[in-house]
Amino acid sequence: MVKKITAVLLADKIEPCLEFWTKRLGFEKTMEVPGENGLVFAGLKKDNLELMYQTYASVEAEEGGHRGFAKGPTFLFVEVQSLDDTKKAMEGAPIKLAERKTFYGSREFGVADPAGHLITFAQFG
């Protein structure tokens, strides 16, 4: 029985990604694993939402772990209460999807996080 699904996003460096979520969207860091050159893993949480980051290097170094995976962006779809407030919070982040209205009833726009992952923010109604 599935109880929870949490995205783990890979990054070269974790610290800028943490700042992206904590300073812009009010998440808090709930866990971290330090390495020789900074963090290798960290968890973020806001209410019942959770997100994790891990470095590419630490994944490659894991005994019996995933190896040889394709590096590329992950796409997150995030529903928000206020797209206007979210746009203000994202000022300065690289816009990757201009604001649009969709056939499925949302108003949305997208940015890239510091690791290059693409995040679409959507407001319905």
PDB file of N, CA and C in Angstrom:
ATOM      1  N   MET A   1       0.835  -1.179   0.000  1.00  0.00           N
ATOM      2  CA  MET A   1       0.000   0.000   0.000  1.00  0.00           C
ATOM      3  C   MET A   1       0.880   1.244   0.000  1.00  0.00           C
ATOM      4  N   VAL A   2       0.685   2.136  -0.929  1.00  0.00           N
ATOM      5  CA  VAL A   2       1.477   3.365  -1.016  1.00  0.00           C
ATOM      6  C   VAL A   2       1.005   4.346   0.042  1.00  0.00           C
ATOM      7  N   LYS A   3       1.959   4.879   0.813  1.00  0.00           N
ATOM      8  CA  LYS A   3       1.632   5.840   1.860  1.00  0.00           C
ATOM      9  C   LYS A   3       2.041   7.262   1.486  1.00  0.00           C
ATOM     10  N   LYS A   4       3.096   7.395   0.685  1.00  0.00           N
ATOM     11  CA  LYS A   4       3.607   8.725   0.359  1.00  0.00           C
ATOM     12  C   LYS A   4       4.543   8.608  -0.838  1.00  0.00           C
ATOM     13  N   ILE A   5       4.584   9.628  -1.661  1.00  0.00           N
ATOM     14  CA  ILE A   5       5.559   9.713  -2.744  1.00  0.00           C
ATOM     15  C   ILE A   5       6.287  11.040  -2.586  1.00  0.00           C
ATOM     16  N   THR A   6       7.614  10.986  -2.598  1.00  0.00           N
ATOM     17  CA  THR A   6       8.432  12.188  -2.460  1.00  0.00           C
ATOM     18  C   THR A   6       9.413  12.244  -3.617  1.00  0.00           C
ATOM     19  N   ALA A   7       9.466  13.372  -4.290  1.00  0.00           N
ATOM     20  CA  ALA A   7      10.429  13.554  -5.376  1.00  0.00           C
ATOM     21  C   ALA A   7      11.823  13.757  -4.794  1.00  0.00           C
ATOM     22  N   VAL A   8      12.808  13.096  -5.404  1.00  0.00           N
ATOM     23  CA  VAL A   8      14.214  13.318  -5.080  1.00  0.00           C
ATOM     24  C   VAL A   8      14.846  13.891  -6.344  1.00  0.00           C
ATOM     25  N   LEU A   9      15.236  15.153  -6.271  1.00  0.00           N
ATOM     26  CA  LEU A   9      15.826  15.830  -7.410  1.00  0.00           C
ATOM     27  C   LEU A   9      17.340  15.803  -7.286  1.00  0.00           C
ATOM     28  N   LEU A  10      18.014  15.528  -8.376  1.00  0.00           N
ATOM     29  CA  LEU A  10      19.476  15.468  -8.355  1.00  0.00           C
ATOM     30  C   LEU A  10      20.061  16.806  -8.776  1.00  0.00           C
ATOM     31  N   ALA A  11      21.189  17.135  -8.171  1.00  0.00           N
ATOM     32  CA  ALA A  11      21.822  18.431  -8.411  1.00  0.00           C
ATOM     33  C   ALA A  11      23.330  18.294  -8.263  1.00  0.00           C
ATOM     34  N   ASP A  12      24.063  19.175  -8.932  1.00  0.00           N
ATOM     35  CA  ASP A  12      25.506  19.231  -8.704  1.00  0.00           C
ATOM     36  C   ASP A  12      25.789  19.785  -7.312  1.00  0.00           C
ATOM     37  N   LYS A  13      25.026  20.808  -6.921  1.00  0.00           N
ATOM     38  CA  LYS A  13      25.174  21.462  -5.619  1.00  0.00           C
ATOM     39  C   LYS A  13      23.802  21.646  -4.998  1.00  0.00           C
ATOM     40  N   ILE A  14      23.668  21.286  -3.750  1.00  0.00           N
ATOM     41  CA  ILE A  14      22.367  21.295  -3.087  1.00  0.00           C
ATOM     42  C   ILE A  14      22.022  22.643  -2.448  1.00  0.00           C
ATOM     43  N   GLU A  15      22.999  23.318  -1.905  1.00  0.00           N
ATOM     44  CA  GLU A  15      22.724  24.530  -1.123  1.00  0.00           C
ATOM     45  C   GLU A  15      21.894  25.576  -1.881  1.00  0.00           C
ATOM     46  N   PRO A  16      22.202  25.890  -3.152  1.00  0.00           N
ATOM     47  CA  PRO A  16      21.365  26.876  -3.855  1.00  0.00           C
ATOM     48  C   PRO A  16      19.916  26.412  -4.029  1.00  0.00           C
ATOM     49  N   CYS A  17      19.711  25.120  -4.151  1.00  0.00           N
ATOM     50  CA  CYS A  17      18.355  24.575  -4.296  1.00  0.00           C
ATOM     51  C   CYS A  17      17.573  24.737  -3.002  1.00  0.00           C
ATOM     52  N   LEU A  18      18.223  24.528  -1.878  1.00  0.00           N
ATOM     53  CA  LEU A  18      17.559  24.714  -0.583  1.00  0.00           C
ATOM     54  C   LEU A  18      17.113  26.158  -0.420  1.00  0.00           C
ATOM     55  N   GLU A  19      17.988  27.079  -0.753  1.00  0.00           N
ATOM     56  CA  GLU A  19      17.666  28.496  -0.635  1.00  0.00           C
ATOM     57  C   GLU A  19      16.481  28.859  -1.536  1.00  0.00           C
ATOM     58  N   PHE A  20      16.437  28.276  -2.727  1.00  0.00           N
ATOM     59  CA  PHE A  20      15.335  28.516  -3.664  1.00  0.00           C
ATOM     60  C   PHE A  20      13.994  28.216  -3.003  1.00  0.00           C
ATOM     61  N   TRP A  21      13.884  27.048  -2.362  1.00  0.00           N
ATOM     62  CA  TRP A  21      12.605  26.635  -1.766  1.00  0.00           C
ATOM     63  C   TRP A  21      12.337  27.305  -0.429  1.00  0.00           C
ATOM     64  N   THR A  22      13.361  27.523   0.396  1.00  0.00           N
ATOM     65  CA  THR A  22      13.127  28.098   1.722  1.00  0.00           C
ATOM     66  C   THR A  22      12.846  29.600   1.645  1.00  0.00           C
ATOM     67  N   LYS A  23      13.646  30.334   0.902  1.00  0.00           N
ATOM     68  CA  LYS A  23      13.488  31.794   0.862  1.00  0.00           C
ATOM     69  C   LYS A  23      12.330  32.229  -0.017  1.00  0.00           C
ATOM     70  N   ARG A  24      12.060  31.504  -1.074  1.00  0.00           N
ATOM     71  CA  ARG A  24      11.011  31.928  -2.001  1.00  0.00           C
ATOM     72  C   ARG A  24       9.628  31.383  -1.621  1.00  0.00           C
ATOM     73  N   LEU A  25       9.580  30.148  -1.103  1.00  0.00           N
ATOM     74  CA  LEU A  25       8.286  29.488  -0.918  1.00  0.00           C
ATOM     75  C   LEU A  25       8.011  29.014   0.503  1.00  0.00           C
ATOM     76  N   GLY A  26       8.876  29.360   1.446  1.00  0.00           N
ATOM     77  CA  GLY A  26       8.594  29.081   2.845  1.00  0.00           C
ATOM     78  C   GLY A  26       8.782  27.647   3.303  1.00  0.00           C
ATOM     79  N   PHE A  27       9.509  26.832   2.531  1.00  0.00           N
ATOM     80  CA  PHE A  27       9.814  25.480   2.992  1.00  0.00           C
ATOM     81  C   PHE A  27      10.873  25.564   4.074  1.00  0.00           C
ATOM     82  N   GLU A  28      11.008  24.517   4.863  1.00  0.00           N
ATOM     83  CA  GLU A  28      12.105  24.453   5.823  1.00  0.00           C
ATOM     84  C   GLU A  28      12.908  23.179   5.605  1.00  0.00           C
ATOM     85  N   LYS A  29      14.196  23.297   5.846  1.00  0.00           N
ATOM     86  CA  LYS A  29      15.078  22.140   5.717  1.00  0.00           C
ATOM     87  C   LYS A  29      14.829  21.236   6.914  1.00  0.00           C
ATOM     88  N   THR A  30      14.555  19.964   6.662  1.00  0.00           N
ATOM     89  CA  THR A  30      14.254  19.030   7.745  1.00  0.00           C
ATOM     90  C   THR A  30      15.373  18.033   7.987  1.00  0.00           C
ATOM     91  N   MET A  31      16.252  17.879   7.014  1.00  0.00           N
ATOM     92  CA  MET A  31      17.380  16.962   7.191  1.00  0.00           C
ATOM     93  C   MET A  31      18.487  17.343   6.233  1.00  0.00           C
ATOM     94  N   GLU A  32      19.700  16.971   6.592  1.00  0.00           N
ATOM     95  CA  GLU A  32      20.837  17.196   5.703  1.00  0.00           C
ATOM     96  C   GLU A  32      21.907  16.149   5.980  1.00  0.00           C
ATOM     97  N   VAL A  33      22.637  15.818   4.937  1.00  0.00           N
ATOM     98  CA  VAL A  33      23.773  14.904   5.050  1.00  0.00           C
ATOM     99  C   VAL A  33      24.976  15.632   4.454  1.00  0.00           C
ATOM    100  N   PRO A  34      25.929  15.992   5.318  1.00  0.00           N
ATOM    101  CA  PRO A  34      27.108  16.695   4.811  1.00  0.00           C
ATOM    102  C   PRO A  34      28.078  15.748   4.120  1.00  0.00           C
ATOM    103  N   GLY A  35      28.820  16.296   3.179  1.00  0.00           N
ATOM    104  CA  GLY A  35      29.894  15.572   2.501  1.00  0.00           C
ATOM    105  C   GLY A  35      31.159  16.397   2.572  1.00  0.00           C
ATOM    106  N   GLU A  36      32.172  15.989   1.836  1.00  0.00           N
ATOM    107  CA  GLU A  36      33.452  16.699   1.870  1.00  0.00           C
ATOM    108  C   GLU A  36      33.363  18.099   1.279  1.00  0.00           C
ATOM    109  N   ASN A  37      32.521  18.285   0.263  1.00  0.00           N
ATOM    110  CA  ASN A  37      32.440  19.572  -0.430  1.00  0.00           C
ATOM    111  C   ASN A  37      31.061  20.211  -0.319  1.00  0.00           C
ATOM    112  N   GLY A  38      30.407  20.029   0.798  1.00  0.00           N
ATOM    113  CA  GLY A  38      29.065  20.567   0.978  1.00  0.00           C
ATOM    114  C   GLY A  38      28.079  19.439   1.213  1.00  0.00           C
ATOM    115  N   LEU A  39      26.816  19.768   1.175  1.00  0.00           N
ATOM    116  CA  LEU A  39      25.779  18.764   1.416  1.00  0.00           C
ATOM    117  C   LEU A  39      25.690  17.789   0.252  1.00  0.00           C
ATOM    118  N   VAL A  40      25.398  16.530   0.576  1.00  0.00           N
ATOM    119  CA  VAL A  40      25.180  15.519  -0.460  1.00  0.00           C
ATOM    120  C   VAL A  40      23.717  15.096  -0.520  1.00  0.00           C
ATOM    121  N   PHE A  41      22.952  15.460   0.513  1.00  0.00           N
ATOM    122  CA  PHE A  41      21.534  15.116   0.561  1.00  0.00           C
ATOM    123  C   PHE A  41      20.844  16.082   1.508  1.00  0.00           C
ATOM    124  N   ALA A  42      19.603  16.438   1.184  1.00  0.00           N
ATOM    125  CA  ALA A  42      18.821  17.294   2.080  1.00  0.00           C
ATOM    126  C   ALA A  42      17.339  17.084   1.809  1.00  0.00           C
ATOM    127  N   GLY A  43      16.559  17.290   2.853  1.00  0.00           N
ATOM    128  CA  GLY A  43      15.110  17.198   2.739  1.00  0.00           C
ATOM    129  C   GLY A  43      14.471  18.522   3.093  1.00  0.00           C
ATOM    130  N   LEU A  44      13.362  18.813   2.436  1.00  0.00           N
ATOM    131  CA  LEU A  44      12.599  20.033   2.654  1.00  0.00           C
ATOM    132  C   LEU A  44      11.154  19.678   2.928  1.00  0.00           C
ATOM    133  N   LYS A  45      10.481  20.521   3.712  1.00  0.00           N
ATOM    134  CA  LYS A  45       9.086  20.235   4.029  1.00  0.00           C
ATOM    135  C   LYS A  45       8.335  21.543   4.240  1.00  0.00           C
ATOM    136  N   LYS A  46       7.072  21.530   3.820  1.00  0.00           N
ATOM    137  CA  LYS A  46       6.141  22.615   4.115  1.00  0.00           C
ATOM    138  C   LYS A  46       4.772  21.973   4.235  1.00  0.00           C
ATOM    139  N   ASP A  47       4.193  22.052   5.422  1.00  0.00           N
ATOM    140  CA  ASP A  47       2.914  21.391   5.708  1.00  0.00           C
ATOM    141  C   ASP A  47       3.047  19.900   5.367  1.00  0.00           C
ATOM    142  N   ASN A  48       2.206  19.383   4.487  1.00  0.00           N
ATOM    143  CA  ASN A  48       2.305  17.956   4.143  1.00  0.00           C
ATOM    144  C   ASN A  48       3.074  17.719   2.847  1.00  0.00           C
ATOM    145  N   LEU A  49       3.805  18.735   2.375  1.00  0.00           N
ATOM    146  CA  LEU A  49       4.596  18.628   1.156  1.00  0.00           C
ATOM    147  C   LEU A  49       6.045  18.347   1.507  1.00  0.00           C
ATOM    148  N   GLU A  50       6.672  17.490   0.732  1.00  0.00           N
ATOM    149  CA  GLU A  50       8.062  17.125   0.997  1.00  0.00           C
ATOM    150  C   GLU A  50       8.813  17.012  -0.319  1.00  0.00           C
ATOM    151  N   LEU A  51      10.079  17.404  -0.297  1.00  0.00           N
ATOM    152  CA  LEU A  51      10.944  17.365  -1.461  1.00  0.00           C
ATOM    153  C   LEU A  51      12.351  17.074  -0.982  1.00  0.00           C
ATOM    154  N   MET A  52      13.103  16.312  -1.746  1.00  0.00           N
ATOM    155  CA  MET A  52      14.481  15.991  -1.370  1.00  0.00           C
ATOM    156  C   MET A  52      15.419  16.302  -2.529  1.00  0.00           C
ATOM    157  N   TYR A  53      16.662  16.621  -2.190  1.00  0.00           N
ATOM    158  CA  TYR A  53      17.726  16.827  -3.171  1.00  0.00           C
ATOM    159  C   TYR A  53      18.897  15.938  -2.802  1.00  0.00           C
ATOM    160  N   GLN A  54      19.558  15.398  -3.817  1.00  0.00           N
ATOM    161  CA  GLN A  54      20.757  14.596  -3.625  1.00  0.00           C
ATOM    162  C   GLN A  54      21.729  14.949  -4.742  1.00  0.00           C
ATOM    163  N   THR A  55      23.028  14.909  -4.445  1.00  0.00           N
ATOM    164  CA  THR A  55      23.991  15.244  -5.485  1.00  0.00           C
ATOM    165  C   THR A  55      24.168  14.072  -6.452  1.00  0.00           C
ATOM    166  N   TYR A  56      24.439  14.431  -7.708  1.00  0.00           N
ATOM    167  CA  TYR A  56      24.742  13.413  -8.718  1.00  0.00           C
ATOM    168  C   TYR A  56      25.910  12.540  -8.252  1.00  0.00           C
ATOM    169  N   ALA A  57      26.952  13.182  -7.706  1.00  0.00           N
ATOM    170  CA  ALA A  57      28.152  12.456  -7.287  1.00  0.00           C
ATOM    171  C   ALA A  57      27.839  11.431  -6.203  1.00  0.00           C
ATOM    172  N   SER A  58      26.977  11.780  -5.244  1.00  0.00           N
ATOM    173  CA  SER A  58      26.679  10.839  -4.163  1.00  0.00           C
ATOM    174  C   SER A  58      25.855   9.654  -4.674  1.00  0.00           C
ATOM    175  N   VAL A  59      24.994   9.884  -5.653  1.00  0.00           N
ATOM    176  CA  VAL A  59      24.229   8.778  -6.237  1.00  0.00           C
ATOM    177  C   VAL A  59      25.179   7.818  -6.955  1.00  0.00           C
ATOM    178  N   GLU A  60      26.094   8.377  -7.734  1.00  0.00           N
ATOM    179  CA  GLU A  60      27.066   7.550  -8.466  1.00  0.00           C
ATOM    180  C   GLU A  60      27.958   6.754  -7.507  1.00  0.00           C
ATOM    181  N   ALA A  61      28.225   7.320  -6.328  1.00  0.00           N
ATOM    182  CA  ALA A  61      29.130   6.674  -5.376  1.00  0.00           C
ATOM    183  C   ALA A  61      28.443   5.641  -4.485  1.00  0.00           C
ATOM    184  N   GLU A  62      27.122   5.600  -4.472  1.00  0.00           N
ATOM    185  CA  GLU A  62      26.408   4.667  -3.598  1.00  0.00           C
ATOM    186  C   GLU A  62      26.700   3.225  -3.986  1.00  0.00           C
ATOM    187  N   GLU A  63      27.037   2.438  -3.006  1.00  0.00           N
ATOM    188  CA  GLU A  63      27.263   1.006  -3.216  1.00  0.00           C
ATOM    189  C   GLU A  63      25.951   0.359  -3.660  1.00  0.00           C
ATOM    190  N   GLY A  64      25.962  -0.241  -4.827  1.00  0.00           N
ATOM    191  CA  GLY A  64      24.770  -0.905  -5.338  1.00  0.00           C
ATOM    192  C   GLY A  64      23.691   0.052  -5.804  1.00  0.00           C
ATOM    193  N   GLY A  65      24.030   1.337  -5.910  1.00  0.00           N
ATOM    194  CA  GLY A  65      23.037   2.339  -6.284  1.00  0.00           C
ATOM    195  C   GLY A  65      22.901   2.492  -7.788  1.00  0.00           C
ATOM    196  N   HIS A  66      22.131   3.480  -8.159  1.00  0.00           N
ATOM    197  CA  HIS A  66      21.897   3.774  -9.573  1.00  0.00           C
ATOM    198  C   HIS A  66      23.175   4.332 -10.183  1.00  0.00           C
ATOM    199  N   ARG A  67      23.516   3.856 -11.357  1.00  0.00           N
ATOM    200  CA  ARG A  67      24.690   4.373 -12.064  1.00  0.00           C
ATOM    201  C   ARG A  67      24.352   4.548 -13.531  1.00  0.00           C
ATOM    202  N   GLY A  68      25.032   5.480 -14.158  1.00  0.00           N
ATOM    203  CA  GLY A  68      24.897   5.656 -15.591  1.00  0.00           C
ATOM    204  C   GLY A  68      23.556   6.217 -16.024  1.00  0.00           C
ATOM    205  N   PHE A  69      22.840   6.867 -15.120  1.00  0.00           N
ATOM    206  CA  PHE A  69      21.554   7.444 -15.472  1.00  0.00           C
ATOM    207  C   PHE A  69      21.779   8.691 -16.325  1.00  0.00           C
ATOM    208  N   ALA A  70      20.793   9.056 -17.092  1.00  0.00           N
ATOM    209  CA  ALA A  70      20.871  10.262 -17.916  1.00  0.00           C
ATOM    210  C   ALA A  70      20.633  11.484 -17.040  1.00  0.00           C
ATOM    211  N   LYS A  71      21.537  12.434 -17.140  1.00  0.00           N
ATOM    212  CA  LYS A  71      21.341  13.688 -16.411  1.00  0.00           C
ATOM    213  C   LYS A  71      20.432  14.566 -17.240  1.00  0.00           C
ATOM    214  N   GLY A  72      19.455  15.087 -16.610  1.00  0.00           N
ATOM    215  CA  GLY A  72      18.540  15.970 -17.312  1.00  0.00           C
ATOM    216  C   GLY A  72      17.552  16.533 -16.341  1.00  0.00           C
ATOM    217  N   PRO A  73      16.786  17.478 -16.779  1.00  0.00           N
ATOM    218  CA  PRO A  73      15.862  18.075 -15.822  1.00  0.00           C
ATOM    219  C   PRO A  73      14.701  17.146 -15.491  1.00  0.00           C
ATOM    220  N   THR A  74      14.237  17.306 -14.279  1.00  0.00           N
ATOM    221  CA  THR A  74      12.980  16.710 -13.841  1.00  0.00           C
ATOM    222  C   THR A  74      11.933  17.793 -14.001  1.00  0.00           C
ATOM    223  N   PHE A  75      10.706  17.395 -14.222  1.00  0.00           N
ATOM    224  CA  PHE A  75       9.608  18.341 -14.362  1.00  0.00           C
ATOM    225  C   PHE A  75       8.675  18.170 -13.168  1.00  0.00           C
ATOM    226  N   LEU A  76       8.420  19.254 -12.447  1.00  0.00           N
ATOM    227  CA  LEU A  76       7.470  19.242 -11.339  1.00  0.00           C
ATOM    228  C   LEU A  76       6.281  20.120 -11.703  1.00  0.00           C
ATOM    229  N   PHE A  77       5.102  19.654 -11.382  1.00  0.00           N
ATOM    230  CA  PHE A  77       3.868  20.425 -11.569  1.00  0.00           C
ATOM    231  C   PHE A  77       3.357  20.738 -10.177  1.00  0.00           C
ATOM    232  N   VAL A  78       3.287  22.026  -9.827  1.00  0.00           N
ATOM    233  CA  VAL A  78       2.966  22.456  -8.477  1.00  0.00           C
ATOM    234  C   VAL A  78       1.712  23.322  -8.513  1.00  0.00           C
ATOM    235  N   GLU A  79       0.649  22.856  -7.876  1.00  0.00           N
ATOM    236  CA  GLU A  79      -0.571  23.650  -7.795  1.00  0.00           C
ATOM    237  C   GLU A  79      -0.441  24.636  -6.643  1.00  0.00           C
ATOM    238  N   VAL A  80      -0.772  25.893  -6.901  1.00  0.00           N
ATOM    239  CA  VAL A  80      -0.660  26.948  -5.895  1.00  0.00           C
ATOM    240  C   VAL A  80      -2.006  27.644  -5.708  1.00  0.00           C
ATOM    241  N   GLN A  81      -2.153  28.314  -4.559  1.00  0.00           N
ATOM    242  CA  GLN A  81      -3.387  29.065  -4.292  1.00  0.00           C
ATOM    243  C   GLN A  81      -3.435  30.352  -5.098  1.00  0.00           C
ATOM    244  N   SER A  82      -2.297  31.024  -5.201  1.00  0.00           N
ATOM    245  CA  SER A  82      -2.248  32.320  -5.886  1.00  0.00           C
ATOM    246  C   SER A  82      -1.066  32.348  -6.845  1.00  0.00           C
ATOM    247  N   LEU A  83      -1.359  32.354  -8.126  1.00  0.00           N
ATOM    248  CA  LEU A  83      -0.286  32.424  -9.113  1.00  0.00           C
ATOM    249  C   LEU A  83       0.416  33.781  -9.047  1.00  0.00           C
ATOM    250  N   ASP A  84      -0.328  34.831  -8.773  1.00  0.00           N
ATOM    251  CA  ASP A  84       0.280  36.157  -8.679  1.00  0.00           C
ATOM    252  C   ASP A  84       1.298  36.220  -7.538  1.00  0.00           C
ATOM    253  N   ASP A  85       0.947  35.672  -6.369  1.00  0.00           N
ATOM    254  CA  ASP A  85       1.892  35.643  -5.242  1.00  0.00           C
ATOM    255  C   ASP A  85       3.107  34.785  -5.576  1.00  0.00           C
ATOM    256  N   THR A  86       2.887  33.685  -6.260  1.00  0.00           N
ATOM    257  CA  THR A  86       3.991  32.789  -6.624  1.00  0.00           C
ATOM    258  C   THR A  86       4.908  33.475  -7.633  1.00  0.00           C
ATOM    259  N   LYS A  87       4.341  34.202  -8.580  1.00  0.00           N
ATOM    260  CA  LYS A  87       5.171  34.938  -9.544  1.00  0.00           C
ATOM    261  C   LYS A  87       6.063  35.949  -8.837  1.00  0.00           C
ATOM    262  N   LYS A  88       5.531  36.623  -7.819  1.00  0.00           N
ATOM    263  CA  LYS A  88       6.338  37.565  -7.043  1.00  0.00           C
ATOM    264  C   LYS A  88       7.469  36.836  -6.326  1.00  0.00           C
ATOM    265  N   ALA A  89       7.155  35.671  -5.755  1.00  0.00           N
ATOM    266  CA  ALA A  89       8.169  34.883  -5.040  1.00  0.00           C
ATOM    267  C   ALA A  89       9.256  34.377  -5.985  1.00  0.00           C
ATOM    268  N   MET A  90       8.927  34.192  -7.253  1.00  0.00           N
ATOM    269  CA  MET A  90       9.872  33.654  -8.230  1.00  0.00           C
ATOM    270  C   MET A  90      10.635  34.726  -9.002  1.00  0.00           C
ATOM    271  N   GLU A  91      10.423  36.004  -8.665  1.00  0.00           N
ATOM    272  CA  GLU A  91      11.136  37.070  -9.368  1.00  0.00           C
ATOM    273  C   GLU A  91      12.631  36.807  -9.337  1.00  0.00           C
ATOM    274  N   GLY A  92      13.248  36.891 -10.513  1.00  0.00           N
ATOM    275  CA  GLY A  92      14.686  36.641 -10.641  1.00  0.00           C
ATOM    276  C   GLY A  92      15.028  35.215 -11.015  1.00  0.00           C
ATOM    277  N   ALA A  93      14.089  34.285 -10.845  1.00  0.00           N
ATOM    278  CA  ALA A  93      14.333  32.894 -11.273  1.00  0.00           C
ATOM    279  C   ALA A  93      14.181  32.833 -12.793  1.00  0.00           C
ATOM    280  N   PRO A  94      14.947  31.980 -13.454  1.00  0.00           N
ATOM    281  CA  PRO A  94      14.848  31.884 -14.919  1.00  0.00           C
ATOM    282  C   PRO A  94      13.465  31.383 -15.353  1.00  0.00           C
ATOM    283  N   ILE A  95      12.741  32.204 -16.103  1.00  0.00           N
ATOM    284  CA  ILE A  95      11.424  31.826 -16.619  1.00  0.00           C
ATOM    285  C   ILE A  95      11.625  30.873 -17.797  1.00  0.00           C
ATOM    286  N   LYS A  96      10.996  29.722 -17.719  1.00  0.00           N
ATOM    287  CA  LYS A  96      11.096  28.721 -18.777  1.00  0.00           C
ATOM    288  C   LYS A  96       9.771  28.480 -19.478  1.00  0.00           C
ATOM    289  N   LEU A  97       8.685  28.954 -18.880  1.00  0.00           N
ATOM    290  CA  LEU A  97       7.360  28.825 -19.469  1.00  0.00           C
ATOM    291  C   LEU A  97       6.611  30.115 -19.171  1.00  0.00           C
ATOM    292  N   ALA A  98       6.326  30.884 -20.226  1.00  0.00           N
ATOM    293  CA  ALA A  98       5.589  32.138 -20.045  1.00  0.00           C
ATOM    294  C   ALA A  98       4.186  31.833 -19.540  1.00  0.00           C
ATOM    295  N   GLU A  99       3.628  32.787 -18.806  1.00  0.00           N
ATOM    296  CA  GLU A  99       2.289  32.566 -18.279  1.00  0.00           C
ATOM    297  C   GLU A  99       1.325  32.262 -19.415  1.00  0.00           C
ATOM    298  N   ARG A 100       0.445  31.302 -19.139  1.00  0.00           N
ATOM    299  CA  ARG A 100      -0.545  30.885 -20.134  1.00  0.00           C
ATOM    300  C   ARG A 100      -1.780  30.361 -19.443  1.00  0.00           C
ATOM    301  N   LYS A 101      -2.874  30.291 -20.202  1.00  0.00           N
ATOM    302  CA  LYS A 101      -4.093  29.623 -19.750  1.00  0.00           C
ATOM    303  C   LYS A 101      -4.168  28.314 -20.505  1.00  0.00           C
ATOM    304  N   THR A 102      -4.560  27.252 -19.807  1.00  0.00           N
ATOM    305  CA  THR A 102      -4.540  25.925 -20.418  1.00  0.00           C
ATOM    306  C   THR A 102      -5.949  25.424 -20.725  1.00  0.00           C
ATOM    307  N   PHE A 103      -6.001  24.423 -21.575  1.00  0.00           N
ATOM    308  CA  PHE A 103      -7.280  23.787 -21.916  1.00  0.00           C
ATOM    309  C   PHE A 103      -7.861  23.030 -20.729  1.00  0.00           C
ATOM    310  N   TYR A 104      -7.029  22.702 -19.739  1.00  0.00           N
ATOM    311  CA  TYR A 104      -7.522  21.961 -18.572  1.00  0.00           C
ATOM    312  C   TYR A 104      -7.868  22.875 -17.402  1.00  0.00           C
ATOM    313  N   GLY A 105      -7.955  24.185 -17.657  1.00  0.00           N
ATOM    314  CA  GLY A 105      -8.510  25.092 -16.675  1.00  0.00           C
ATOM    315  C   GLY A 105      -7.555  25.743 -15.702  1.00  0.00           C
ATOM    316  N   SER A 106      -6.278  25.776 -16.032  1.00  0.00           N
ATOM    317  CA  SER A 106      -5.346  26.438 -15.119  1.00  0.00           C
ATOM    318  C   SER A 106      -4.700  27.638 -15.790  1.00  0.00           C
ATOM    319  N   ARG A 107      -4.202  28.508 -14.947  1.00  0.00           N
ATOM    320  CA  ARG A 107      -3.322  29.595 -15.350  1.00  0.00           C
ATOM    321  C   ARG A 107      -1.970  29.203 -14.781  1.00  0.00           C
ATOM    322  N   GLU A 108      -0.912  29.227 -15.596  1.00  0.00           N
ATOM    323  CA  GLU A 108       0.361  28.690 -15.113  1.00  0.00           C
ATOM    324  C   GLU A 108       1.550  29.389 -15.766  1.00  0.00           C
ATOM    325  N   PHE A 109       2.706  29.215 -15.115  1.00  0.00           N
ATOM    326  CA  PHE A 109       3.989  29.652 -15.659  1.00  0.00           C
ATOM    327  C   PHE A 109       5.047  28.727 -15.087  1.00  0.00           C
ATOM    328  N   GLY A 110       6.249  28.747 -15.679  1.00  0.00           N
ATOM    329  CA  GLY A 110       7.289  27.831 -15.209  1.00  0.00           C
ATOM    330  C   GLY A 110       8.642  28.496 -15.076  1.00  0.00           C
ATOM    331  N   VAL A 111       9.429  27.981 -14.132  1.00  0.00           N
ATOM    332  CA  VAL A 111      10.788  28.465 -13.879  1.00  0.00           C
ATOM    333  C   VAL A 111      11.730  27.272 -13.785  1.00  0.00           C
ATOM    334  N   ALA A 112      13.006  27.571 -13.770  1.00  0.00           N
ATOM    335  CA  ALA A 112      14.025  26.556 -13.488  1.00  0.00           C
ATOM    336  C   ALA A 112      14.567  26.799 -12.094  1.00  0.00           C
ATOM    337  N   ASP A 113      14.766  25.711 -11.336  1.00  0.00           N
ATOM    338  CA  ASP A 113      15.423  25.852 -10.035  1.00  0.00           C
ATOM    339  C   ASP A 113      16.933  25.931 -10.281  1.00  0.00           C
ATOM    340  N   PRO A 114      17.741  26.169  -9.258  1.00  0.00           N
ATOM    341  CA  PRO A 114      19.179  26.298  -9.463  1.00  0.00           C
ATOM    342  C   PRO A 114      19.858  25.059 -10.057  1.00  0.00           C
ATOM    343  N   ALA A 115      19.223  23.888  -9.966  1.00  0.00           N
ATOM    344  CA  ALA A 115      19.797  22.675 -10.554  1.00  0.00           C
ATOM    345  C   ALA A 115      19.317  22.468 -11.988  1.00  0.00           C
ATOM    346  N   GLY A 116      18.444  23.338 -12.483  1.00  0.00           N
ATOM    347  CA  GLY A 116      17.945  23.219 -13.841  1.00  0.00           C
ATOM    348  C   GLY A 116      16.650  22.441 -13.988  1.00  0.00           C
ATOM    349  N   HIS A 117      16.067  22.005 -12.881  1.00  0.00           N
ATOM    350  CA  HIS A 117      14.794  21.296 -12.946  1.00  0.00           C
ATOM    351  C   HIS A 117      13.679  22.294 -13.283  1.00  0.00           C
ATOM    352  N   LEU A 118      12.710  21.852 -14.059  1.00  0.00           N
ATOM    353  CA  LEU A 118      11.650  22.725 -14.531  1.00  0.00           C
ATOM    354  C   LEU A 118      10.420  22.580 -13.661  1.00  0.00           C
ATOM    355  N   ILE A 119       9.965  23.706 -13.134  1.00  0.00           N
ATOM    356  CA  ILE A 119       8.854  23.706 -12.199  1.00  0.00           C
ATOM    357  C   ILE A 119       7.729  24.561 -12.790  1.00  0.00           C
ATOM    358  N   THR A 120       6.587  23.924 -13.025  1.00  0.00           N
ATOM    359  CA  THR A 120       5.412  24.634 -13.498  1.00  0.00           C
ATOM    360  C   THR A 120       4.505  24.887 -12.304  1.00  0.00           C
ATOM    361  N   PHE A 121       4.157  26.150 -12.103  1.00  0.00           N
ATOM    362  CA  PHE A 121       3.233  26.538 -11.043  1.00  0.00           C
ATOM    363  C   PHE A 121       1.885  26.801 -11.692  1.00  0.00           C
ATOM    364  N   ALA A 122       0.810  26.240 -11.122  1.00  0.00           N
ATOM    365  CA  ALA A 122      -0.515  26.361 -11.718  1.00  0.00           C
ATOM    366  C   ALA A 122      -1.555  26.723 -10.676  1.00  0.00           C
ATOM    367  N   GLN A 123      -2.469  27.589 -11.095  1.00  0.00           N
ATOM    368  CA  GLN A 123      -3.612  27.943 -10.264  1.00  0.00           C
ATOM    369  C   GLN A 123      -4.868  27.579 -11.055  1.00  0.00           C
ATOM    370  N   PHE A 124      -5.749  26.825 -10.430  1.00  0.00           N
ATOM    371  CA  PHE A 124      -7.011  26.438 -11.057  1.00  0.00           C
ATOM    372  C   PHE A 124      -8.129  27.333 -10.551  1.00  0.00           C
ATOM    373  N   GLY A 125      -9.110  27.570 -11.422  1.00  0.00           N
ATOM    374  CA  GLY A 125     -10.290  28.327 -11.015  1.00  0.00           C
ATOM    375  C   GLY A 125     -10.195  29.791 -11.197  1.00  0.00           C
TER     376      GLY A 125
END
